[in-house]
Amino acid sequence: MPIGADGRLSELAQVFLKLGTTAFGGPAAHIAMMEEEVVVRRQWLTREDFLDYLGATNLIPGPNSTELAIHVGQARAGWPGLLVAGACFILPAALIVGALGWAYVRYGSLPAVEGLLYGIKPVVIAIVLQALLRLTHSAVKSWQLALIGLAAVAAVLSGVNDLLVLALAAAIARLALVKGRRGEGTVLAVVPGLAAAAAPLTFGLWPLFLVFLKIGSVLFGSGYVLLAFLRADFVERLGWLTERQLLDAIAVGQMTPGPVFTTATFVGYLLGGGTGAVVATAGIFLPAFFFVALSARILPRLQGSAVARAALDGINVASLALMAVVTWQLSMAALVDWPTRIIAIASAVILLRFRLNSAWLVLAGAGIGLVAHG
């Protein structure tokens, strides 16, 4: 029986509220958990469509996993779905980070969470590896794309800018298809973000909103890139935060579920209480909804063009290369001893053999970590 519009919106809300509450580990882990929920378990999208949306998020500024959630919502239930999926993915993390902001302001430090993260991080590595295996099988359609993926891994490990890697992968894949044909239009255009210079401002909610709106509009990359933007604006230019407050804010964004960009919620709470948290969160995430709405109208045209399809294929394998490098880097910090390695191996076996919902494994990992450090 077909599901009506209200039913689809309800489904989207349930899925992304759950992901926003349980998706620890940063964008790579979020993407892995989304792929499990919307491709494997519910079959809302094919793997190829999922990869196309993932590739599209790498071409626009903003938080990739949040933008992927917004894309899924739009594909599943149109414009209302776009809003519901994005808001439900952001809301749990924003509430958790806001509560930590309150605790930080009240007590002057962060609650102890080392045990929680000790058990969760190895599970996250297993979740991402499972998704990488599935997505790579769909993305690597030829030996040329396999070579592009390997070259992308080497380039990222060598320190080449992520966006440049994506652009080169698209161009090389396109050239491999057209084989010298001339007169074709350019498929990929990269518009670099421009850091706006401004005089120091007296703190206020409107300036706070504008600063985060600017960051959300021009930032490509991960939460580590966000650190550089926040330091340049809030510590050096405006003087609204100290170095310690900034590092604590980044730590909160890394250790909580959902988008790392909810670091803005913490900063907003430190500076302006509950209202400041809402203003900062709205400012940094609003551009993501705008850019996804814009790119969602263009993506079907790109999918219908053989040349554009080749470029998207190149972007897809390069995106997975970025994800693989991030996973390797995360594993260095997550698998610190034999217990964490055992947790990761056991989680991978359970996921690959029994296909257990990854949210249960995250909760189990958290429990093991709390017991081990109790």
Protein backbone atom coordinates (compact mmCIF):
# COMPACT_ATOMS: atom_id res chain seq x y z
CA MET A 1 0.00 0.00 0.00
CA PRO A 2 1.49 3.36 -1.03
CA ILE A 3 2.59 5.62 1.81
CA GLY A 4 1.06 9.11 1.80
CA ALA A 5 2.93 12.37 2.18
CA ASP A 6 2.30 12.52 5.94
CA GLY A 7 3.53 8.95 6.35
CA ARG A 8 6.73 9.70 4.47
CA LEU A 9 7.37 12.79 6.59
CA SER A 10 6.77 10.75 9.75
CA GLU A 11 9.23 8.10 8.53
CA LEU A 12 11.83 10.74 7.74
CA ALA A 13 11.39 12.33 11.17
CA GLN A 14 11.81 8.97 12.95
CA VAL A 15 14.90 7.95 10.98
CA PHE A 16 16.74 11.24 11.25
CA LEU A 17 15.83 11.87 14.89
CA LYS A 18 17.36 8.45 15.62
CA LEU A 19 20.46 9.23 13.55
CA GLY A 20 20.81 12.65 15.15
CA THR A 21 20.79 10.95 18.56
CA THR A 22 23.05 7.94 17.83
CA ALA A 23 25.36 8.96 14.95
CA PHE A 24 28.67 9.44 16.73
CA GLY A 25 32.04 9.72 15.01
CA GLY A 26 31.89 12.59 12.51
CA PRO A 27 30.68 12.85 8.88
CA ALA A 28 32.14 9.54 7.65
CA ALA A 29 30.26 7.62 10.35
CA HIS A 30 27.07 9.63 9.76
CA ILE A 31 27.19 8.81 6.04
CA ALA A 32 27.74 5.13 6.80
CA MET A 33 24.74 5.00 9.13
CA MET A 34 22.54 6.89 6.64
CA GLU A 35 23.49 4.44 3.91
CA GLU A 36 22.43 1.57 6.13
CA GLU A 37 19.10 3.19 6.99
CA VAL A 38 17.98 4.60 3.62
CA VAL A 39 19.63 2.23 1.12
CA VAL A 40 19.96 -1.15 2.84
CA ARG A 41 17.12 -1.25 5.36
CA ARG A 42 14.43 0.89 3.71
CA GLN A 43 15.52 1.02 0.05
CA TRP A 44 14.45 4.63 -0.33
CA LEU A 45 17.40 5.20 -2.69
CA THR A 46 19.60 3.04 -4.87
CA ARG A 47 23.31 2.99 -4.01
CA GLU A 48 24.02 4.91 -7.22
CA ASP A 49 21.58 7.67 -6.28
CA PHE A 50 23.01 7.77 -2.74
CA LEU A 51 26.51 8.16 -4.15
CA ASP A 52 25.34 10.94 -6.47
CA TYR A 53 23.91 12.86 -3.53
CA LEU A 54 27.11 12.26 -1.57
CA GLY A 55 29.15 13.58 -4.49
CA ALA A 56 26.89 16.62 -4.77
CA THR A 57 27.40 17.50 -1.10
CA ASN A 58 31.15 17.66 -1.69
CA LEU A 59 30.67 20.37 -4.33
CA ILE A 60 28.89 22.86 -2.08
CA PRO A 61 29.88 24.56 1.18
CA GLY A 62 28.59 23.36 4.50
CA PRO A 63 28.38 20.18 6.62
CA ASN A 64 28.39 17.19 4.27
CA SER A 65 26.45 14.69 6.38
CA THR A 66 23.73 17.25 7.17
CA GLU A 67 23.44 18.14 3.50
CA LEU A 68 23.20 14.45 2.63
CA ALA A 69 20.32 14.12 5.12
CA ILE A 70 18.60 17.10 3.49
CA HIS A 71 19.08 15.55 0.02
CA VAL A 72 17.55 12.26 1.21
CA GLY A 73 14.59 14.13 2.67
CA GLN A 74 14.00 16.01 -0.57
CA ALA A 75 14.23 12.82 -2.63
CA ARG A 76 11.83 10.98 -0.32
CA ALA A 77 9.16 13.64 0.32
CA GLY A 78 9.89 16.77 -1.72
CA TRP A 79 10.43 20.20 -0.16
CA PRO A 80 8.67 19.35 3.14
CA GLY A 81 10.93 16.30 3.38
CA LEU A 82 13.97 18.50 2.82
CA LEU A 83 13.08 20.57 5.88
CA VAL A 84 11.98 17.65 8.08
CA ALA A 85 15.05 15.46 7.46
CA GLY A 86 17.52 18.30 7.96
CA ALA A 87 15.84 19.69 11.07
CA CYS A 88 15.42 16.27 12.69
CA PHE A 89 19.08 15.38 12.09
CA ILE A 90 20.27 18.69 13.59
CA LEU A 91 17.84 19.01 16.54
CA PRO A 92 19.02 16.17 18.86
CA ALA A 93 22.66 17.18 18.56
CA ALA A 94 21.82 20.85 19.10
CA LEU A 95 19.86 20.04 22.27
CA ILE A 96 22.66 17.82 23.64
CA VAL A 97 25.32 20.42 22.87
CA GLY A 98 23.14 23.18 24.35
CA ALA A 99 22.83 21.16 27.58
CA LEU A 100 26.61 20.73 27.69
CA GLY A 101 26.95 24.47 27.12
CA TRP A 102 24.73 25.08 30.15
CA ALA A 103 26.84 22.68 32.24
CA TYR A 104 30.04 24.32 31.05
CA VAL A 105 28.84 27.82 31.94
CA ARG A 106 27.51 26.65 35.32
CA TYR A 107 30.45 24.48 36.42
CA GLY A 108 33.35 25.83 34.35
CA SER A 109 34.33 22.50 32.76
CA LEU A 110 32.98 19.61 30.67
CA PRO A 111 31.42 16.46 32.13
CA ALA A 112 33.70 13.42 32.00
CA VAL A 113 33.03 11.48 28.78
CA GLU A 114 36.27 9.56 28.23
CA GLY A 115 34.71 6.18 29.00
CA LEU A 116 31.77 6.81 26.68
CA LEU A 117 34.05 7.65 23.75
CA TYR A 118 36.44 4.76 24.53
CA GLY A 119 33.73 2.24 23.67
CA ILE A 120 31.95 4.16 20.90
CA LYS A 121 34.94 5.00 18.67
CA PRO A 122 35.86 1.39 17.76
CA VAL A 123 32.22 0.69 16.82
CA VAL A 124 32.24 3.77 14.60
CA ILE A 125 35.29 2.45 12.73
CA ALA A 126 33.49 -0.83 12.02
CA ILE A 127 30.36 1.00 10.82
CA VAL A 128 32.34 3.15 8.40
CA LEU A 129 34.30 0.17 7.05
CA GLN A 130 31.07 -1.70 6.34
CA ALA A 131 29.66 1.26 4.41
CA LEU A 132 32.91 1.73 2.50
CA LEU A 133 32.81 -1.88 1.32
CA ARG A 134 29.22 -1.57 0.12
CA LEU A 135 29.60 1.83 -1.53
CA THR A 136 32.90 0.98 -3.20
CA HIS A 137 31.29 -2.04 -4.86
CA SER A 138 28.71 0.29 -6.44
CA ALA A 139 31.04 3.20 -7.22
CA VAL A 140 34.01 1.44 -8.85
CA LYS A 141 32.45 0.51 -12.19
CA SER A 142 35.67 0.24 -14.24
CA TRP A 143 39.41 -0.09 -13.89
CA GLN A 144 39.73 3.60 -14.79
CA LEU A 145 37.57 4.59 -11.82
CA ALA A 146 39.56 2.22 -9.58
CA LEU A 147 42.77 4.00 -10.61
CA ILE A 148 41.15 7.41 -10.01
CA GLY A 149 40.14 6.26 -6.52
CA LEU A 150 43.65 5.04 -5.69
CA ALA A 151 45.17 8.26 -7.04
CA ALA A 152 42.73 10.26 -4.92
CA VAL A 153 43.79 8.37 -1.79
CA ALA A 154 47.46 9.07 -2.58
CA ALA A 155 46.73 12.75 -3.25
CA VAL A 156 44.84 13.25 0.01
CA LEU A 157 47.56 11.48 2.00
CA SER A 158 50.09 13.78 0.32
CA GLY A 159 48.23 16.83 1.59
CA VAL A 160 46.43 17.92 -1.58
CA ASN A 161 43.33 20.02 -0.87
CA ASP A 162 40.17 17.88 -0.71
CA LEU A 163 38.20 20.09 -3.09
CA LEU A 164 41.02 20.04 -5.63
CA VAL A 165 41.08 16.23 -5.45
CA LEU A 166 37.34 16.11 -6.22
CA ALA A 167 37.69 18.55 -9.12
CA LEU A 168 40.59 16.63 -10.65
CA ALA A 169 38.76 13.32 -10.27
CA ALA A 170 35.74 14.74 -12.10
CA ALA A 171 37.90 16.14 -14.90
CA ILE A 172 39.91 12.92 -15.36
CA ALA A 173 36.79 10.73 -15.38
CA ARG A 174 35.20 13.04 -17.93
CA LEU A 175 38.29 12.88 -20.16
CA ALA A 176 38.34 9.10 -19.91
CA LEU A 177 34.79 9.02 -21.28
CA VAL A 178 34.95 11.58 -24.08
CA LYS A 179 38.44 10.45 -25.23
CA GLY A 180 39.45 13.68 -26.81
CA ARG A 181 36.07 14.90 -28.02
CA ARG A 182 36.12 18.67 -28.29
CA GLY A 183 33.47 21.28 -27.83
CA GLU A 184 31.98 19.80 -24.66
CA GLY A 185 30.86 22.18 -21.93
CA THR A 186 32.57 22.23 -18.56
CA VAL A 187 30.76 20.00 -16.09
CA LEU A 188 32.31 21.06 -12.82
CA ALA A 189 32.70 24.60 -11.55
CA VAL A 190 34.32 25.26 -8.21
CA VAL A 191 33.60 28.56 -6.53
CA PRO A 192 36.03 29.07 -3.68
CA GLY A 193 34.74 30.69 -0.51
CA LEU A 194 36.07 34.13 0.30
CA ALA A 195 36.89 34.96 3.90
CA ALA A 196 35.32 38.30 4.68
CA ALA A 197 37.46 40.75 6.59
CA ALA A 198 35.70 43.13 8.90
CA ALA A 199 36.44 45.42 11.81
CA PRO A 200 35.99 44.03 15.34
CA LEU A 201 32.36 44.03 16.47
CA THR A 202 30.69 44.53 19.82
CA PHE A 203 28.91 41.32 20.71
CA GLY A 204 25.27 41.09 19.77
CA LEU A 205 22.86 38.45 18.53
CA TRP A 206 22.65 39.90 15.01
CA PRO A 207 26.45 40.03 14.54
CA LEU A 208 26.64 36.49 15.98
CA PHE A 209 24.10 35.28 13.42
CA LEU A 210 25.94 37.01 10.54
CA VAL A 211 29.33 35.54 11.48
CA PHE A 212 27.94 31.99 11.56
CA LEU A 213 25.93 32.60 8.39
CA LYS A 214 29.18 33.57 6.66
CA ILE A 215 30.99 30.49 7.97
CA GLY A 216 28.18 28.18 6.86
CA SER A 217 28.20 29.79 3.42
CA VAL A 218 31.90 29.49 2.61
CA LEU A 219 33.31 26.52 4.57
CA PHE A 220 34.29 23.43 2.61
CA GLY A 221 35.64 20.42 4.48
CA SER A 222 35.44 18.88 7.93
CA GLY A 223 35.07 20.00 11.50
CA TYR A 224 38.84 20.51 11.62
CA VAL A 225 38.47 23.19 8.94
CA LEU A 226 35.70 24.68 11.11
CA LEU A 227 38.26 25.07 13.90
CA ALA A 228 40.37 27.34 11.71
CA PHE A 229 37.37 29.51 10.79
CA LEU A 230 36.18 29.81 14.39
CA ARG A 231 39.64 30.73 15.62
CA ALA A 232 40.10 33.39 12.93
CA ASP A 233 36.73 35.01 13.67
CA PHE A 234 35.96 34.49 17.35
CA VAL A 235 39.44 34.50 18.90
CA GLU A 236 41.63 36.64 16.65
CA ARG A 237 39.30 39.10 14.90
CA LEU A 238 36.45 39.57 17.40
CA GLY A 239 38.02 38.50 20.68
CA TRP A 240 34.75 36.96 21.87
CA LEU A 241 36.34 33.62 22.90
CA THR A 242 39.58 32.51 24.53
CA GLU A 243 41.72 29.75 23.04
CA ARG A 244 40.64 27.35 25.81
CA GLN A 245 36.94 28.06 25.24
CA LEU A 246 37.38 27.44 21.52
CA LEU A 247 39.14 24.11 22.05
CA ASP A 248 36.44 23.04 24.52
CA ALA A 249 33.77 23.98 21.98
CA ILE A 250 35.46 21.86 19.29
CA ALA A 251 35.79 18.95 21.75
CA VAL A 252 32.05 19.08 22.45
CA GLY A 253 31.29 19.05 18.71
CA GLN A 254 33.52 16.00 18.23
CA MET A 255 32.26 13.95 21.17
CA THR A 256 28.51 14.39 20.69
CA PRO A 257 26.30 12.66 18.08
CA GLY A 258 25.05 14.38 14.96
CA PRO A 259 26.66 17.20 12.96
CA VAL A 260 30.04 18.52 14.11
CA PHE A 261 28.77 21.98 13.13
CA THR A 262 26.69 22.01 16.33
CA THR A 263 29.92 23.36 17.79
CA ALA A 264 28.21 26.63 16.85
CA THR A 265 25.45 25.84 19.35
CA PHE A 266 28.03 25.60 22.15
CA VAL A 267 29.74 28.82 21.12
CA GLY A 268 26.37 30.57 20.90
CA TYR A 269 25.44 29.41 24.41
CA LEU A 270 28.75 30.62 25.85
CA LEU A 271 28.25 34.04 24.32
CA GLY A 272 24.50 34.58 24.52
CA GLY A 273 22.83 31.87 26.57
CA GLY A 274 19.93 29.88 25.16
CA THR A 275 18.99 32.58 22.64
CA GLY A 276 22.57 32.79 21.45
CA ALA A 277 22.64 29.02 20.96
CA VAL A 278 19.52 29.14 18.76
CA VAL A 279 20.83 32.11 16.75
CA ALA A 280 24.24 30.53 16.16
CA THR A 281 22.74 27.17 15.17
CA ALA A 282 20.35 28.80 12.70
CA GLY A 283 23.13 30.89 11.19
CA ILE A 284 25.55 28.07 10.46
CA PHE A 285 22.96 25.57 9.15
CA LEU A 286 20.66 27.79 7.04
CA PRO A 287 23.08 27.92 4.07
CA ALA A 288 23.06 24.09 3.89
CA PHE A 289 19.31 24.06 3.23
CA PHE A 290 19.70 26.76 0.56
CA PHE A 291 22.59 25.08 -1.26
CA VAL A 292 20.92 21.65 -1.24
CA ALA A 293 17.66 23.12 -2.56
CA LEU A 294 19.65 24.74 -5.37
CA SER A 295 21.75 21.70 -6.24
CA ALA A 296 18.76 19.34 -6.05
CA ARG A 297 17.28 21.11 -9.09
CA ILE A 298 20.51 20.73 -11.06
CA LEU A 299 21.45 17.14 -10.16
CA PRO A 300 18.78 15.37 -12.32
CA ARG A 301 20.10 17.21 -15.40
CA LEU A 302 23.63 16.11 -14.62
CA GLN A 303 22.49 12.51 -14.16
CA GLY A 304 20.91 12.57 -17.64
CA SER A 305 24.11 13.65 -19.40
CA ALA A 306 26.75 11.03 -20.24
CA VAL A 307 29.56 13.53 -19.78
CA ALA A 308 28.15 14.83 -16.49
CA ARG A 309 27.52 11.21 -15.41
CA ALA A 310 31.21 10.47 -15.93
CA ALA A 311 32.20 13.50 -13.86
CA LEU A 312 29.87 12.44 -11.06
CA ASP A 313 31.36 8.94 -11.16
CA GLY A 314 34.80 10.46 -10.70
CA ILE A 315 33.56 12.60 -7.81
CA ASN A 316 31.94 9.56 -6.21
CA VAL A 317 35.12 7.46 -6.14
CA ALA A 318 37.12 10.47 -4.93
CA SER A 319 34.54 11.04 -2.16
CA LEU A 320 34.98 7.45 -1.04
CA ALA A 321 38.75 7.95 -1.15
CA LEU A 322 38.37 10.91 1.22
CA MET A 323 36.14 8.77 3.43
CA ALA A 324 38.74 5.98 3.46
CA VAL A 325 41.54 8.34 4.49
CA VAL A 326 39.40 9.84 7.26
CA THR A 327 38.59 6.32 8.48
CA TRP A 328 42.30 5.41 8.62
CA GLN A 329 43.06 8.60 10.55
CA LEU A 330 40.19 7.99 12.96
CA SER A 331 41.31 4.40 13.53
CA MET A 332 44.70 5.63 14.77
CA ALA A 333 42.95 7.56 17.54
CA ALA A 334 40.19 4.98 18.21
CA LEU A 335 42.03 1.65 18.31
CA VAL A 336 44.47 2.47 21.08
CA ASP A 337 44.75 -0.96 22.77
CA TRP A 338 43.63 -4.58 22.47
CA PRO A 339 40.17 -4.06 24.02
CA THR A 340 39.30 -1.35 21.48
CA ARG A 341 40.63 -3.50 18.63
CA ILE A 342 38.52 -6.42 19.80
CA ILE A 343 35.43 -4.18 19.99
CA ALA A 344 36.07 -2.99 16.43
CA ILE A 345 36.61 -6.51 15.03
CA ALA A 346 33.57 -7.91 16.84
CA SER A 347 31.43 -5.00 15.61
CA ALA A 348 32.58 -5.51 12.02
CA VAL A 349 31.79 -9.24 12.16
CA ILE A 350 28.32 -8.59 13.62
CA LEU A 351 27.55 -5.94 11.01
CA LEU A 352 28.76 -8.00 8.05
CA ARG A 353 27.38 -11.36 9.21
CA PHE A 354 24.16 -10.51 11.04
CA ARG A 355 23.32 -6.99 9.72
CA LEU A 356 22.36 -5.73 13.18
CA ASN A 357 21.16 -2.13 13.33
CA SER A 358 24.30 -0.08 13.99
CA ALA A 359 22.54 2.11 16.57
CA TRP A 360 22.42 -0.91 18.94
CA LEU A 361 26.14 -1.43 18.51
CA VAL A 362 26.82 2.23 19.31
CA LEU A 363 24.81 1.90 22.52
CA ALA A 364 26.59 -1.37 23.40
CA GLY A 365 29.97 0.26 22.80
CA ALA A 366 29.01 3.17 25.05
CA GLY A 367 28.02 0.74 27.80
CA ILE A 368 31.27 -1.23 27.51
CA GLY A 369 33.26 1.99 27.65
CA LEU A 370 31.46 3.21 30.76
CA VAL A 371 31.99 -0.14 32.52
CA ALA A 372 35.69 -0.27 31.53
CA HIS A 373 36.27 3.25 32.87
CA GLY A 374 33.82 3.06 35.76
